[in-house]
PDB file of N, CA and C in Angstrom:
ATOM      1  N   MET A   1     102.629  85.738 129.671  1.00  0.00           N
ATOM      2  CA  MET A   1     102.110  86.008 128.357  1.00  0.00           C
ATOM      3  C   MET A   1     102.643  87.073 127.529  1.00  0.00           C
ATOM      4  N   ALA A   2     102.778  88.307 128.494  1.00  0.00           N
ATOM      5  CA  ALA A   2     102.966  89.621 128.117  1.00  0.00           C
ATOM      6  C   ALA A   2     104.571  89.561 127.574  1.00  0.00           C
ATOM      7  N   ASP A   3     105.469  88.677 128.096  1.00  0.00           N
ATOM      8  CA  ASP A   3     106.972  88.696 127.830  1.00  0.00           C
ATOM      9  C   ASP A   3     107.053  87.706 126.638  1.00  0.00           C
ATOM     10  N   GLU A   4     106.283  86.812 126.467  1.00  0.00           N
ATOM     11  CA  GLU A   4     106.491  85.933 125.351  1.00  0.00           C
ATOM     12  C   GLU A   4     106.012  86.346 124.092  1.00  0.00           C
ATOM     13  N   PHE A   5     104.696  86.778 124.206  1.00  0.00           N
ATOM     14  CA  PHE A   5     104.014  87.350 122.875  1.00  0.00           C
ATOM     15  C   PHE A   5     103.521  88.683 122.763  1.00  0.00           C
ATOM     16  N   GLU A   6     104.019  89.426 123.754  1.00  0.00           N
ATOM     17  CA  GLU A   6     103.539  90.826 123.738  1.00  0.00           C
ATOM     18  C   GLU A   6     102.200  91.073 123.835  1.00  0.00           C
ATOM     19  N   ALA A   7     101.651  90.303 124.579  1.00  0.00           N
ATOM     20  CA  ALA A   7      99.887  90.256 124.630  1.00  0.00           C
ATOM     21  C   ALA A   7      99.631  90.408 126.073  1.00  0.00           C
ATOM     22  N   VAL A   8      98.726  91.243 126.565  1.00  0.00           N
ATOM     23  CA  VAL A   8      98.230  91.428 127.846  1.00  0.00           C
ATOM     24  C   VAL A   8      96.697  90.754 127.895  1.00  0.00           C
ATOM     25  N   LEU A   9      96.533  89.760 128.645  1.00  0.00           N
ATOM     26  CA  LEU A   9      95.257  89.218 128.706  1.00  0.00           C
ATOM     27  C   LEU A   9      94.537  89.779 130.116  1.00  0.00           C
ATOM     28  N   GLU A  10      93.768  90.800 129.810  1.00  0.00           N
ATOM     29  CA  GLU A  10      93.173  91.407 131.064  1.00  0.00           C
ATOM     30  C   GLU A  10      92.029  90.536 131.624  1.00  0.00           C
ATOM     31  N   ASP A  11      91.672  89.551 131.021  1.00  0.00           N
ATOM     32  CA  ASP A  11      90.579  88.691 131.506  1.00  0.00           C
ATOM     33  C   ASP A  11      91.014  87.492 132.204  1.00  0.00           C
ATOM     34  N   ASP A  12      92.404  87.432 132.370  1.00  0.00           N
ATOM     35  CA  ASP A  12      93.019  86.207 133.231  1.00  0.00           C
ATOM     36  C   ASP A  12      92.715  84.965 132.558  1.00  0.00           C
ATOM     37  N   SER A  13      92.640  84.904 131.240  1.00  0.00           N
ATOM     38  CA  SER A  13      92.286  83.687 130.494  1.00  0.00           C
ATOM     39  C   SER A  13      93.482  82.855 130.063  1.00  0.00           C
ATOM     40  N   ALA A  14      94.625  83.323 130.555  1.00  0.00           N
ATOM     41  CA  ALA A  14      95.984  82.686 130.119  1.00  0.00           C
ATOM     42  C   ALA A  14      95.787  81.250 130.784  1.00  0.00           C
ATOM     43  N   ALA A  15      95.514  81.198 131.987  1.00  0.00           N
ATOM     44  CA  ALA A  15      95.675  80.009 132.812  1.00  0.00           C
ATOM     45  C   ALA A  15      94.592  78.906 132.360  1.00  0.00           C
ATOM     46  N   SER A  16      93.484  79.294 131.784  1.00  0.00           N
ATOM     47  CA  SER A  16      92.449  78.510 131.371  1.00  0.00           C
ATOM     48  C   SER A  16      92.904  77.984 130.079  1.00  0.00           C
ATOM     49  N   VAL A  17      93.486  78.912 128.992  1.00  0.00           N
ATOM     50  CA  VAL A  17      93.951  78.451 127.735  1.00  0.00           C
ATOM     51  C   VAL A  17      94.989  77.332 127.956  1.00  0.00           C
ATOM     52  N   ALA A  18      95.956  77.735 128.796  1.00  0.00           N
ATOM     53  CA  ALA A  18      96.931  76.656 129.000  1.00  0.00           C
ATOM     54  C   ALA A  18      96.552  75.315 129.507  1.00  0.00           C
ATOM     55  N   LYS A  19      95.516  75.367 130.330  1.00  0.00           N
ATOM     56  CA  LYS A  19      94.949  74.018 130.848  1.00  0.00           C
ATOM     57  C   LYS A  19      94.345  73.256 129.526  1.00  0.00           C
ATOM     58  N   ASP A  20      93.693  73.982 128.746  1.00  0.00           N
ATOM     59  CA  ASP A  20      92.937  73.250 127.728  1.00  0.00           C
ATOM     60  C   ASP A  20      94.007  72.878 126.732  1.00  0.00           C
ATOM     61  N   ILE A  21      95.101  73.564 126.508  1.00  0.00           N
ATOM     62  CA  ILE A  21      96.307  73.064 125.500  1.00  0.00           C
ATOM     63  C   ILE A  21      96.836  71.698 126.164  1.00  0.00           C
ATOM     64  N   VAL A  22      97.217  71.767 127.401  1.00  0.00           N
ATOM     65  CA  VAL A  22      97.913  70.776 128.145  1.00  0.00           C
ATOM     66  C   VAL A  22      96.932  69.505 128.017  1.00  0.00           C
ATOM     67  N   ARG A  23      95.501  69.721 128.317  1.00  0.00           N
ATOM     68  CA  ARG A  23      94.646  68.638 128.321  1.00  0.00           C
ATOM     69  C   ARG A  23      94.513  68.088 126.950  1.00  0.00           C
ATOM     70  N   MET A  24      94.515  68.947 125.838  1.00  0.00           N
ATOM     71  CA  MET A  24      94.406  68.377 124.468  1.00  0.00           C
ATOM     72  C   MET A  24      95.675  67.704 124.168  1.00  0.00           C
ATOM     73  N   TRP A  25      96.893  68.013 124.564  1.00  0.00           N
ATOM     74  CA  TRP A  25      98.130  67.367 124.256  1.00  0.00           C
ATOM     75  C   TRP A  25      98.279  65.811 125.048  1.00  0.00           C
ATOM     76  N   LEU A  26      97.626  65.881 126.221  1.00  0.00           N
ATOM     77  CA  LEU A  26      97.889  64.675 127.076  1.00  0.00           C
ATOM     78  C   LEU A  26      96.687  63.746 126.361  1.00  0.00           C
ATOM     79  N   GLU A  27      95.570  64.206 125.995  1.00  0.00           N
ATOM     80  CA  GLU A  27      94.596  63.201 125.260  1.00  0.00           C
ATOM     81  C   GLU A  27      95.101  62.588 123.953  1.00  0.00           C
ATOM     82  N   THR A  28      95.650  63.581 123.286  1.00  0.00           N
ATOM     83  CA  THR A  28      96.203  63.048 121.959  1.00  0.00           C
ATOM     84  C   THR A  28      97.166  62.164 122.059  1.00  0.00           C
ATOM     85  N   ARG A  29      97.902  62.103 123.084  1.00  0.00           N
ATOM     86  CA  ARG A  29      99.127  61.350 123.483  1.00  0.00           C
ATOM     87  C   ARG A  29      98.585  59.847 123.755  1.00  0.00           C
ATOM     88  N   GLU A  30      97.391  59.826 124.120  1.00  0.00           N
ATOM     89  CA  GLU A  30      96.612  58.479 124.614  1.00  0.00           C
ATOM     90  C   GLU A  30      95.787  58.120 123.363  1.00  0.00           C
ATOM     91  N   GLY A  31      95.859  58.871 122.402  1.00  0.00           N
ATOM     92  CA  GLY A  31      94.875  58.368 121.017  1.00  0.00           C
ATOM     93  C   GLY A  31      93.506  59.056 121.261  1.00  0.00           C
ATOM     94  N   LYS A  32      93.120  59.857 122.059  1.00  0.00           N
ATOM     95  CA  LYS A  32      91.765  60.297 122.226  1.00  0.00           C
ATOM     96  C   LYS A  32      91.801  61.711 121.548  1.00  0.00           C
ATOM     97  N   ASP A  33      90.735  62.003 120.941  1.00  0.00           N
ATOM     98  CA  ASP A  33      90.587  63.382 120.189  1.00  0.00           C
ATOM     99  C   ASP A  33      89.412  64.062 120.554  1.00  0.00           C
ATOM    100  N   ASP A  34      88.681  63.743 121.635  1.00  0.00           N
ATOM    101  CA  ASP A  34      87.484  64.296 121.971  1.00  0.00           C
ATOM    102  C   ASP A  34      87.366  65.883 122.185  1.00  0.00           C
ATOM    103  N   THR A  35      88.461  66.256 122.987  1.00  0.00           N
ATOM    104  CA  THR A  35      88.576  67.607 123.113  1.00  0.00           C
ATOM    105  C   THR A  35      89.293  68.397 122.046  1.00  0.00           C
ATOM    106  N   VAL A  36      89.841  67.769 121.081  1.00  0.00           N
ATOM    107  CA  VAL A  36      90.318  68.527 119.856  1.00  0.00           C
ATOM    108  C   VAL A  36      89.093  68.702 118.914  1.00  0.00           C
ATOM    109  N   GLN A  37      88.336  67.770 118.893  1.00  0.00           N
ATOM    110  CA  GLN A  37      87.092  67.813 118.050  1.00  0.00           C
ATOM    111  C   GLN A  37      86.044  68.792 118.670  1.00  0.00           C
ATOM    112  N   LYS A  38      86.100  68.901 119.948  1.00  0.00           N
ATOM    113  CA  LYS A  38      85.111  70.022 120.514  1.00  0.00           C
ATOM    114  C   LYS A  38      85.591  71.314 120.222  1.00  0.00           C
ATOM    115  N   PHE A  39      86.833  71.541 120.310  1.00  0.00           N
ATOM    116  CA  PHE A  39      87.496  72.722 119.891  1.00  0.00           C
ATOM    117  C   PHE A  39      87.248  73.155 118.401  1.00  0.00           C
ATOM    118  N   GLU A  40      87.437  72.105 117.610  1.00  0.00           N
ATOM    119  CA  GLU A  40      87.359  72.335 116.290  1.00  0.00           C
ATOM    120  C   GLU A  40      85.908  72.755 115.891  1.00  0.00           C
ATOM    121  N   ALA A  41      84.964  72.060 116.426  1.00  0.00           N
ATOM    122  CA  ALA A  41      83.545  72.200 116.317  1.00  0.00           C
ATOM    123  C   ALA A  41      83.149  73.726 116.717  1.00  0.00           C
ATOM    124  N   LEU A  42      83.660  74.125 117.713  1.00  0.00           N
ATOM    125  CA  LEU A  42      83.448  75.461 118.346  1.00  0.00           C
ATOM    126  C   LEU A  42      84.075  76.483 117.455  1.00  0.00           C
ATOM    127  N   ALA A  43      85.349  76.182 116.777  1.00  0.00           N
ATOM    128  CA  ALA A  43      86.020  77.107 115.897  1.00  0.00           C
ATOM    129  C   ALA A  43      85.142  77.232 114.635  1.00  0.00           C
ATOM    130  N   ASP A  44      84.499  76.160 114.294  1.00  0.00           N
ATOM    131  CA  ASP A  44      83.719  76.051 112.895  1.00  0.00           C
ATOM    132  C   ASP A  44      82.502  76.971 113.173  1.00  0.00           C
ATOM    133  N   LYS A  45      81.935  76.863 114.385  1.00  0.00           N
ATOM    134  CA  LYS A  45      80.652  77.431 114.724  1.00  0.00           C
ATOM    135  C   LYS A  45      80.859  79.113 114.774  1.00  0.00           C
ATOM    136  N   ILE A  46      82.061  79.516 115.363  1.00  0.00           N
ATOM    137  CA  ILE A  46      82.502  80.955 115.452  1.00  0.00           C
ATOM    138  C   ILE A  46      82.946  81.418 114.087  1.00  0.00           C
ATOM    139  N   LYS A  47      83.396  80.582 113.449  1.00  0.00           N
ATOM    140  CA  LYS A  47      84.026  81.145 112.087  1.00  0.00           C
ATOM    141  C   LYS A  47      83.169  82.218 111.304  1.00  0.00           C
ATOM    142  N   GLY A  48      83.666  83.261 110.817  1.00  0.00           N
ATOM    143  CA  GLY A  48      82.722  84.116 110.080  1.00  0.00           C
ATOM    144  C   GLY A  48      82.162  85.232 111.032  1.00  0.00           C
ATOM    145  N   LYS A  49      81.914  85.033 112.404  1.00  0.00           N
ATOM    146  CA  LYS A  49      81.278  86.092 113.263  1.00  0.00           C
ATOM    147  C   LYS A  49      82.363  87.023 113.824  1.00  0.00           C
ATOM    148  N   LYS A  50      81.671  88.187 113.879  1.00  0.00           N
ATOM    149  CA  LYS A  50      82.545  89.180 114.490  1.00  0.00           C
ATOM    150  C   LYS A  50      82.693  89.049 115.964  1.00  0.00           C
ATOM    151  N   ILE A  51      83.732  89.284 116.467  1.00  0.00           N
ATOM    152  CA  ILE A  51      84.006  89.164 118.005  1.00  0.00           C
ATOM    153  C   ILE A  51      83.950  90.568 118.562  1.00  0.00           C
ATOM    154  N   GLU A  52      83.177  90.591 119.613  1.00  0.00           N
ATOM    155  CA  GLU A  52      82.968  91.927 120.249  1.00  0.00           C
ATOM    156  C   GLU A  52      84.283  92.068 121.331  1.00  0.00           C
ATOM    157  N   VAL A  53      84.891  93.268 121.123  1.00  0.00           N
ATOM    158  CA  VAL A  53      86.077  93.467 121.831  1.00  0.00           C
ATOM    159  C   VAL A  53      85.842  94.811 122.635  1.00  0.00           C
ATOM    160  N   LYS A  54      86.038  94.784 123.927  1.00  0.00           N
ATOM    161  CA  LYS A  54      86.163  96.106 124.710  1.00  0.00           C
ATOM    162  C   LYS A  54      87.397  96.715 124.831  1.00  0.00           C
ATOM    163  N   GLU A  55      87.533  97.735 124.292  1.00  0.00           N
ATOM    164  CA  GLU A  55      89.013  98.629 124.342  1.00  0.00           C
ATOM    165  C   GLU A  55      88.872  99.670 125.341  1.00  0.00           C
ATOM    166  N   ASN A  56      89.674  99.478 126.154  1.00  0.00           N
ATOM    167  CA  ASN A  56      89.927 100.666 127.220  1.00  0.00           C
ATOM    168  C   ASN A  56      91.095 101.511 126.689  1.00  0.00           C
ATOM    169  N   VAL A  57      90.583 102.915 126.469  1.00  0.00           N
ATOM    170  CA  VAL A  57      91.643 103.790 125.889  1.00  0.00           C
ATOM    171  C   VAL A  57      92.064 104.443 127.257  1.00  0.00           C
ATOM    172  N   GLU A  58      93.462 104.287 127.403  1.00  0.00           N
ATOM    173  CA  GLU A  58      94.036 105.024 128.559  1.00  0.00           C
ATOM    174  C   GLU A  58      94.848 106.171 128.074  1.00  0.00           C
ATOM    175  N   SER A  59      94.729 107.378 128.747  1.00  0.00           N
ATOM    176  CA  SER A  59      95.460 108.502 128.611  1.00  0.00           C
ATOM    177  C   SER A  59      96.788 108.598 129.042  1.00  0.00           C
ATOM    178  N   ASP A  60      97.679 108.891 128.208  1.00  0.00           N
ATOM    179  CA  ASP A  60      99.251 109.053 128.694  1.00  0.00           C
ATOM    180  C   ASP A  60      99.714 110.572 128.857  1.00  0.00           C
ATOM    181  N   ASP A  61      98.721 111.385 128.929  1.00  0.00           N
ATOM    182  CA  ASP A  61      99.033 112.715 128.948  1.00  0.00           C
ATOM    183  C   ASP A  61      99.858 113.230 130.178  1.00  0.00           C
ATOM    184  N   ASP A  62      99.792 112.393 131.268  1.00  0.00           N
ATOM    185  CA  ASP A  62     100.508 112.777 132.501  1.00  0.00           C
ATOM    186  C   ASP A  62      99.902 114.033 133.034  1.00  0.00           C
ATOM    187  N   ASP A  63      98.619 114.246 133.061  1.00  0.00           N
ATOM    188  CA  ASP A  63      97.939 115.398 133.668  1.00  0.00           C
ATOM    189  C   ASP A  63      98.260 116.562 133.040  1.00  0.00           C
ATOM    190  N   GLY A  64      98.548 116.642 131.674  1.00  0.00           N
ATOM    191  CA  GLY A  64      98.862 117.830 131.089  1.00  0.00           C
ATOM    192  C   GLY A  64     100.274 118.585 131.306  1.00  0.00           C
ATOM    193  N   GLU A  65     101.079 117.858 131.663  1.00  0.00           N
ATOM    194  CA  GLU A  65     102.630 118.373 131.928  1.00  0.00           C
ATOM    195  C   GLU A  65     103.133 118.813 130.789  1.00  0.00           C
ATOM    196  N   ASP A  66     103.075 118.253 129.733  1.00  0.00           N
ATOM    197  CA  ASP A  66     103.627 118.632 128.407  1.00  0.00           C
ATOM    198  C   ASP A  66     103.149 120.066 128.088  1.00  0.00           C
ATOM    199  N   GLU A  67     101.836 120.377 128.326  1.00  0.00           N
ATOM    200  CA  GLU A  67     101.188 121.678 128.050  1.00  0.00           C
ATOM    201  C   GLU A  67     101.695 122.532 129.005  1.00  0.00           C
ATOM    202  N   GLU A  68     101.903 122.316 130.355  1.00  0.00           N
ATOM    203  CA  GLU A  68     102.433 123.305 131.255  1.00  0.00           C
ATOM    204  C   GLU A  68     103.745 123.643 130.954  1.00  0.00           C
ATOM    205  N   ASN A  69     104.728 122.799 130.512  1.00  0.00           N
ATOM    206  CA  ASN A  69     106.068 122.983 130.329  1.00  0.00           C
ATOM    207  C   ASN A  69     106.157 123.746 128.950  1.00  0.00           C
ATOM    208  N   GLY A  70     105.252 123.927 128.236  1.00  0.00           N
ATOM    209  CA  GLY A  70     105.197 124.728 126.879  1.00  0.00           C
ATOM    210  C   GLY A  70     105.944 123.780 125.881  1.00  0.00           C
ATOM    211  N   GLU A  71     105.892 122.358 125.959  1.00  0.00           N
ATOM    212  CA  GLU A  71     106.338 121.674 124.972  1.00  0.00           C
ATOM    213  C   GLU A  71     105.346 121.163 124.028  1.00  0.00           C
ATOM    214  N   ASP A  72     105.424 121.390 122.714  1.00  0.00           N
ATOM    215  CA  ASP A  72     104.286 120.928 121.746  1.00  0.00           C
ATOM    216  C   ASP A  72     104.673 119.703 121.070  1.00  0.00           C
ATOM    217  N   LEU A  73     103.708 118.816 120.886  1.00  0.00           N
ATOM    218  CA  LEU A  73     103.993 117.687 120.204  1.00  0.00           C
ATOM    219  C   LEU A  73     104.121 117.792 118.664  1.00  0.00           C
ATOM    220  N   ILE A  74     105.286 117.380 118.264  1.00  0.00           N
ATOM    221  CA  ILE A  74     105.542 117.545 116.774  1.00  0.00           C
ATOM    222  C   ILE A  74     104.817 116.307 115.891  1.00  0.00           C
ATOM    223  N   ASP A  75     104.105 116.811 114.889  1.00  0.00           N
ATOM    224  CA  ASP A  75     103.318 115.908 113.957  1.00  0.00           C
ATOM    225  C   ASP A  75     104.196 115.759 112.696  1.00  0.00           C
ATOM    226  N   ASP A  76     104.702 114.645 112.532  1.00  0.00           N
ATOM    227  CA  ASP A  76     105.580 114.438 111.354  1.00  0.00           C
ATOM    228  C   ASP A  76     104.899 113.646 110.237  1.00  0.00           C
ATOM    229  N   ASP A  77     103.326 113.580 110.278  1.00  0.00           N
ATOM    230  CA  ASP A  77     102.732 112.779 109.314  1.00  0.00           C
ATOM    231  C   ASP A  77     102.775 113.635 108.003  1.00  0.00           C
ATOM    232  N   ASP A  78     102.952 114.740 108.053  1.00  0.00           N
ATOM    233  CA  ASP A  78     102.854 115.546 106.745  1.00  0.00           C
ATOM    234  C   ASP A  78     104.228 115.582 105.927  1.00  0.00           C
ATOM    235  N   GLU A  79     105.215 115.208 106.605  1.00  0.00           N
ATOM    236  CA  GLU A  79     106.679 115.102 105.933  1.00  0.00           C
ATOM    237  C   GLU A  79     106.743 113.948 105.076  1.00  0.00           C
ATOM    238  N   GLU A  80     107.235 114.188 103.889  1.00  0.00           N
ATOM    239  CA  GLU A  80     107.500 112.957 102.918  1.00  0.00           C
ATOM    240  C   GLU A  80     108.808 112.262 103.415  1.00  0.00           C
ATOM    241  N   ALA A  81     108.947 110.896 102.867  1.00  0.00           N
ATOM    242  CA  ALA A  81     110.111 110.291 103.011  1.00  0.00           C
ATOM    243  C   ALA A  81     111.238 110.780 102.092  1.00  0.00           C
ATOM    244  N   PRO A  82     112.437 110.973 102.419  1.00  0.00           N
ATOM    245  CA  PRO A  82     113.599 111.175 101.504  1.00  0.00           C
ATOM    246  C   PRO A  82     113.531 110.317 100.234  1.00  0.00           C
ATOM    247  N   GLN A  83     113.844 110.808  99.032  1.00  0.00           N
ATOM    248  CA  GLN A  83     113.790 110.054  97.862  1.00  0.00           C
ATOM    249  C   GLN A  83     115.173 109.264  97.847  1.00  0.00           C
ATOM    250  N   LEU A  84     115.186 108.078  97.308  1.00  0.00           N
ATOM    251  CA  LEU A  84     116.292 107.135  97.246  1.00  0.00           C
ATOM    252  C   LEU A  84     117.126 107.528  96.130  1.00  0.00           C
ATOM    253  N   ILE A  85     118.269 107.443  96.032  1.00  0.00           N
ATOM    254  CA  ILE A  85     119.177 107.718  95.005  1.00  0.00           C
ATOM    255  C   ILE A  85     119.824 106.424  94.334  1.00  0.00           C
ATOM    256  N   GLU A  86     120.002 106.503  93.010  1.00  0.00           N
ATOM    257  CA  GLU A  86     120.584 105.213  92.516  1.00  0.00           C
ATOM    258  C   GLU A  86     121.979 105.103  92.897  1.00  0.00           C
ATOM    259  N   HIS A  87     122.429 103.866  93.105  1.00  0.00           N
ATOM    260  CA  HIS A  87     123.750 103.603  93.356  1.00  0.00           C
ATOM    261  C   HIS A  87     124.528 103.156  92.086  1.00  0.00           C
ATOM    262  N   GLN A  88     125.629 103.971  91.800  1.00  0.00           N
ATOM    263  CA  GLN A  88     126.210 103.884  90.541  1.00  0.00           C
ATOM    264  C   GLN A  88     127.620 103.338  90.917  1.00  0.00           C
ATOM    265  N   ILE A  89     128.173 102.375  90.208  1.00  0.00           N
ATOM    266  CA  ILE A  89     129.274 101.597  90.257  1.00  0.00           C
ATOM    267  C   ILE A  89     130.314 102.353  89.353  1.00  0.00           C
ATOM    268  N   PRO A  90     131.472 102.685  89.945  1.00  0.00           N
ATOM    269  CA  PRO A  90     132.543 103.436  89.126  1.00  0.00           C
ATOM    270  C   PRO A  90     133.073 102.239  87.927  1.00  0.00           C
ATOM    271  N   PRO A  91     133.291 102.939  86.747  1.00  0.00           N
ATOM    272  CA  PRO A  91     133.687 102.106  85.759  1.00  0.00           C
ATOM    273  C   PRO A  91     134.847 101.223  85.952  1.00  0.00           C
ATOM    274  N   SER A  92     135.850 101.763  86.765  1.00  0.00           N
ATOM    275  CA  SER A  92     137.037 100.896  87.004  1.00  0.00           C
ATOM    276  C   SER A  92     136.688  99.683  87.733  1.00  0.00           C
ATOM    277  N   SER A  93     135.663  99.550  88.637  1.00  0.00           N
ATOM    278  CA  SER A  93     135.399  98.418  89.417  1.00  0.00           C
ATOM    279  C   SER A  93     134.236  97.572  89.004  1.00  0.00           C
ATOM    280  N   GLN A  94     133.898  97.694  87.834  1.00  0.00           N
ATOM    281  CA  GLN A  94     132.779  96.882  87.166  1.00  0.00           C
ATOM    282  C   GLN A  94     133.354  95.466  86.951  1.00  0.00           C
ATOM    283  N   LYS A  95     132.545  94.430  87.484  1.00  0.00           N
ATOM    284  CA  LYS A  95     132.987  93.096  87.397  1.00  0.00           C
ATOM    285  C   LYS A  95     132.573  92.445  86.150  1.00  0.00           C
ATOM    286  N   ASN A  96     131.758  92.994  85.198  1.00  0.00           N
ATOM    287  CA  ASN A  96     131.394  92.260  84.070  1.00  0.00           C
ATOM    288  C   ASN A  96     132.513  92.277  82.880  1.00  0.00           C
ATOM    289  N   GLU A  97     133.575  92.626  83.161  1.00  0.00           N
ATOM    290  CA  GLU A  97     134.687  92.765  82.059  1.00  0.00           C
ATOM    291  C   GLU A  97     135.044  91.230  81.971  1.00  0.00           C
ATOM    292  N   LEU A  98     135.258  90.770  80.650  1.00  0.00           N
ATOM    293  CA  LEU A  98     135.734  89.551  80.470  1.00  0.00           C
ATOM    294  C   LEU A  98     137.181  89.400  80.202  1.00  0.00           C
ATOM    295  N   VAL A  99     138.006  88.575  80.502  1.00  0.00           N
ATOM    296  CA  VAL A  99     139.410  88.395  80.409  1.00  0.00           C
ATOM    297  C   VAL A  99     139.537  87.364  79.388  1.00  0.00           C
ATOM    298  N   VAL A 100     140.094  87.571  78.262  1.00  0.00           N
ATOM    299  CA  VAL A 100     140.398  86.542  77.342  1.00  0.00           C
ATOM    300  C   VAL A 100     142.017  86.444  77.137  1.00  0.00           C
ATOM    301  N   ASP A 101     142.327  85.073  77.347  1.00  0.00           N
ATOM    302  CA  ASP A 101     143.788  84.870  77.068  1.00  0.00           C
ATOM    303  C   ASP A 101     144.212  84.887  75.571  1.00  0.00           C
ATOM    304  N   GLU A 102     145.617  84.623  75.373  1.00  0.00           N
ATOM    305  CA  GLU A 102     146.003  84.628  74.058  1.00  0.00           C
ATOM    306  C   GLU A 102     145.369  83.365  73.102  1.00  0.00           C
ATOM    307  N   ASP A 103     145.052  82.327  73.767  1.00  0.00           N
ATOM    308  CA  ASP A 103     144.524  81.278  73.045  1.00  0.00           C
ATOM    309  C   ASP A 103     142.993  81.573  72.498  1.00  0.00           C
ATOM    310  N   GLY A 104     142.339  82.468  73.112  1.00  0.00           N
ATOM    311  CA  GLY A 104     140.930  82.967  72.915  1.00  0.00           C
ATOM    312  C   GLY A 104     140.054  82.329  73.909  1.00  0.00           C
ATOM    313  N   PHE A 105     140.363  81.896  75.053  1.00  0.00           N
ATOM    314  CA  PHE A 105     139.581  81.303  76.026  1.00  0.00           C
ATOM    315  C   PHE A 105     139.249  82.451  77.176  1.00  0.00           C
ATOM    316  N   THR A 106     138.111  82.529  77.509  1.00  0.00           N
ATOM    317  CA  THR A 106     137.589  83.429  78.666  1.00  0.00           C
ATOM    318  C   THR A 106     138.074  82.811  79.957  1.00  0.00           C
ATOM    319  N   LEU A 107     138.779  83.472  80.624  1.00  0.00           N
ATOM    320  CA  LEU A 107     139.273  83.315  82.026  1.00  0.00           C
ATOM    321  C   LEU A 107     138.208  83.524  83.041  1.00  0.00           C
ATOM    322  N   VAL A 108     137.966  82.433  83.922  1.00  0.00           N
ATOM    323  CA  VAL A 108     136.897  82.517  85.041  1.00  0.00           C
ATOM    324  C   VAL A 108     137.656  83.267  86.130  1.00  0.00           C
ATOM    325  N   GLN A 109     136.914  84.393  86.586  1.00  0.00           N
ATOM    326  CA  GLN A 109     137.334  85.372  87.520  1.00  0.00           C
ATOM    327  C   GLN A 109     136.992  84.881  88.907  1.00  0.00           C
ATOM    328  N   GLY A 110     137.662  85.147  89.917  1.00  0.00           N
ATOM    329  CA  GLY A 110     137.366  84.860  91.367  1.00  0.00           C
ATOM    330  C   GLY A 110     136.548  85.906  91.902  1.00  0.00           C
ATOM    331  N   LYS A 111     135.743  85.492  92.893  1.00  0.00           N
ATOM    332  CA  LYS A 111     134.838  86.421  93.528  1.00  0.00           C
ATOM    333  C   LYS A 111     135.540  87.463  94.248  1.00  0.00           C
ATOM    334  N   GLY A 112     136.754  87.406  94.509  1.00  0.00           N
ATOM    335  CA  GLY A 112     137.367  88.548  95.101  1.00  0.00           C
ATOM    336  C   GLY A 112     137.582  88.342  96.682  1.00  0.00           C
ATOM    337  N   LYS A 113     138.250  89.163  97.368  1.00  0.00           N
ATOM    338  CA  LYS A 113     138.730  89.097  98.662  1.00  0.00           C
ATOM    339  C   LYS A 113     137.411  89.244  99.653  1.00  0.00           C
ATOM    340  N   GLY A 114     137.253  88.426 100.818  1.00  0.00           N
ATOM    341  CA  GLY A 114     136.274  88.489 101.629  1.00  0.00           C
ATOM    342  C   GLY A 114     134.906  87.725 101.340  1.00  0.00           C
ATOM    343  N   ARG A 115     134.797  87.399 100.138  1.00  0.00           N
ATOM    344  CA  ARG A 115     133.591  86.737  99.719  1.00  0.00           C
ATOM    345  C   ARG A 115     133.883  85.228  99.836  1.00  0.00           C
ATOM    346  N   ARG A 116     132.995  84.586 100.544  1.00  0.00           N
ATOM    347  CA  ARG A 116     133.253  83.100 100.684  1.00  0.00           C
ATOM    348  C   ARG A 116     131.802  82.458 100.462  1.00  0.00           C
TER     349      ARG A 116
END
């Protein structure tokens, strides 16, 4: 589960969820929808309720090694992002120039090299 969806299930519920999904798939192939209706009713019942989540905060400070080595963490939250500059096309390479032949017809220009 962690490899596919980048989710770690600490309650080992991956196996039971997989069994439920396979059971629903097998039953729907046979034309039965009892399990699907059961899960839909459960979802409707739970809808709108807040789910209680236990979150374990793990410390990654490695027993204070950074402080002992004199390394300070840099806080980049106060810095602003660099401002973008406008891209300007040189006048010689503008593609909006119309080419008119001697009969007064506007010639269709190709897209140029490398564009297909």
